[in-house]
Amino acid sequence: MRKIESPERETQMGKWLRPEEDATYQDAATTPAERIVVMLLRYTGLRVGEATALRCSDIDLNEQTLMVRKTKGKTAGRRTIPLVWKLTTRIGDRVAAEALEAMA
């Protein structure tokens, strides 16, 4: 029996959208909360139900990680996902803005 050669893979992951498509996708969000959800989907690979089921307690800004515990309506596979700096900064800015609003 002959060995079957595997096809070559692209070495770069996460580049499925062209830059203009990516910009359109991210610009579709109109509120700060929507922008964070869109970024979560884009940069972490979360499913929509997982992203919308996240709670503040699931996000660790110091460790730059988030914990997936459930999805909308059911339990998800528990896992820890690293956050890119861009996303950590956006979430941190949103948390700070909400804290200032609460103090006003």
Protein backbone atom coordinates (compact mmCIF):
# COMPACT_ATOMS: atom_id res chain seq x y z
CA MET A 1 0.00 0.00 0.00
CA ARG A 2 1.36 3.42 -0.94
CA LYS A 3 1.56 6.34 1.46
CA ILE A 4 -0.79 9.20 0.64
CA GLU A 5 0.84 12.63 0.88
CA SER A 6 -1.04 15.31 2.82
CA PRO A 7 -1.78 18.53 0.94
CA GLU A 8 0.24 21.55 1.99
CA ARG A 9 -1.43 23.97 4.38
CA GLU A 10 -1.16 27.70 4.56
CA THR A 11 0.93 28.66 7.57
CA GLN A 12 -1.06 31.82 8.37
CA MET A 13 -4.30 31.29 10.27
CA GLY A 14 -7.07 33.80 10.80
CA LYS A 15 -6.81 35.63 7.48
CA TRP A 16 -10.06 34.46 5.92
CA LEU A 17 -11.41 37.96 5.33
CA ARG A 18 -9.87 40.50 3.02
CA PRO A 19 -8.99 43.78 4.79
CA GLU A 20 -11.99 45.63 3.34
CA GLU A 21 -14.35 42.81 4.37
CA ASP A 22 -12.89 42.83 7.88
CA ALA A 23 -13.34 46.61 8.15
CA THR A 24 -16.97 46.35 6.97
CA TYR A 25 -17.64 43.58 9.46
CA GLN A 26 -16.19 45.56 12.37
CA ASP A 27 -17.86 48.84 11.30
CA ALA A 28 -21.29 47.16 11.35
CA ALA A 29 -21.28 47.38 15.15
CA THR A 30 -22.85 50.64 16.29
CA THR A 31 -22.54 50.54 20.09
CA PRO A 32 -19.49 49.91 22.29
CA ALA A 33 -20.98 46.63 23.51
CA GLU A 34 -21.61 45.46 19.93
CA ARG A 35 -18.04 46.37 18.98
CA ILE A 36 -16.71 44.19 21.79
CA VAL A 37 -18.91 41.26 20.70
CA VAL A 38 -17.75 41.64 17.09
CA MET A 39 -14.12 41.75 18.24
CA LEU A 40 -14.67 38.67 20.42
CA LEU A 41 -16.04 36.80 17.42
CA ARG A 42 -13.23 38.03 15.17
CA TYR A 43 -10.24 37.55 17.44
CA THR A 44 -11.19 34.56 19.61
CA GLY A 45 -13.29 32.31 17.41
CA LEU A 46 -16.11 32.24 19.96
CA ARG A 47 -19.53 31.21 18.74
CA VAL A 48 -22.24 33.90 18.91
CA GLY A 49 -24.02 32.14 21.78
CA GLU A 50 -20.76 31.87 23.73
CA ALA A 51 -19.90 35.54 23.22
CA THR A 52 -23.34 36.76 24.27
CA ALA A 53 -23.38 34.48 27.33
CA LEU A 54 -20.11 35.91 28.72
CA ARG A 55 -20.19 37.74 32.05
CA CYS A 56 -17.63 40.21 33.39
CA SER A 57 -16.47 37.54 35.83
CA ASP A 58 -15.47 35.35 32.86
CA ILE A 59 -12.86 37.89 31.73
CA ASP A 60 -9.47 38.31 33.41
CA LEU A 61 -7.87 41.49 32.05
CA ASN A 62 -4.67 41.00 34.07
CA GLU A 63 -4.08 37.53 32.62
CA GLN A 64 -5.55 38.57 29.24
CA THR A 65 -7.83 35.54 29.13
CA LEU A 66 -11.50 34.71 29.13
CA MET A 67 -13.25 31.60 30.38
CA VAL A 68 -16.00 30.06 28.28
CA ARG A 69 -18.44 28.44 30.68
CA LYS A 70 -21.69 28.32 28.77
CA THR A 71 -23.45 29.27 25.59
CA LYS A 72 -26.85 30.89 25.23
CA GLY A 73 -29.28 28.36 26.64
CA LYS A 74 -26.91 25.50 27.48
CA THR A 75 -23.54 24.53 28.93
CA ALA A 76 -20.57 24.91 26.60
CA GLY A 77 -17.25 23.16 26.62
CA ARG A 78 -15.28 24.89 29.38
CA ARG A 79 -12.06 26.39 28.11
CA THR A 80 -9.76 29.35 28.62
CA ILE A 81 -9.03 31.55 25.62
CA PRO A 82 -6.20 34.09 25.36
CA LEU A 83 -7.15 37.65 24.45
CA VAL A 84 -5.19 39.76 22.00
CA TRP A 85 -3.93 43.08 23.36
CA LYS A 86 -6.29 45.06 21.11
CA LEU A 87 -9.31 43.28 22.57
CA THR A 88 -8.09 43.47 26.18
CA THR A 89 -7.65 47.23 25.78
CA ARG A 90 -11.12 47.69 24.29
CA ILE A 91 -12.77 45.70 27.09
CA GLY A 92 -10.74 47.55 29.74
CA ASP A 93 -11.79 50.92 28.27
CA ARG A 94 -15.44 49.83 28.33
CA VAL A 95 -15.24 48.65 31.95
CA ALA A 96 -13.62 51.96 32.98
CA ALA A 97 -16.30 53.98 31.13
CA GLU A 98 -19.07 52.04 32.86
CA ALA A 99 -17.43 52.61 36.25
CA LEU A 100 -17.26 56.37 35.60
CA GLU A 101 -20.91 56.44 34.51
CA ALA A 102 -21.91 54.63 37.71
CA MET A 103 -20.06 57.21 39.82
CA ALA A 104 -21.76 60.18 38.13
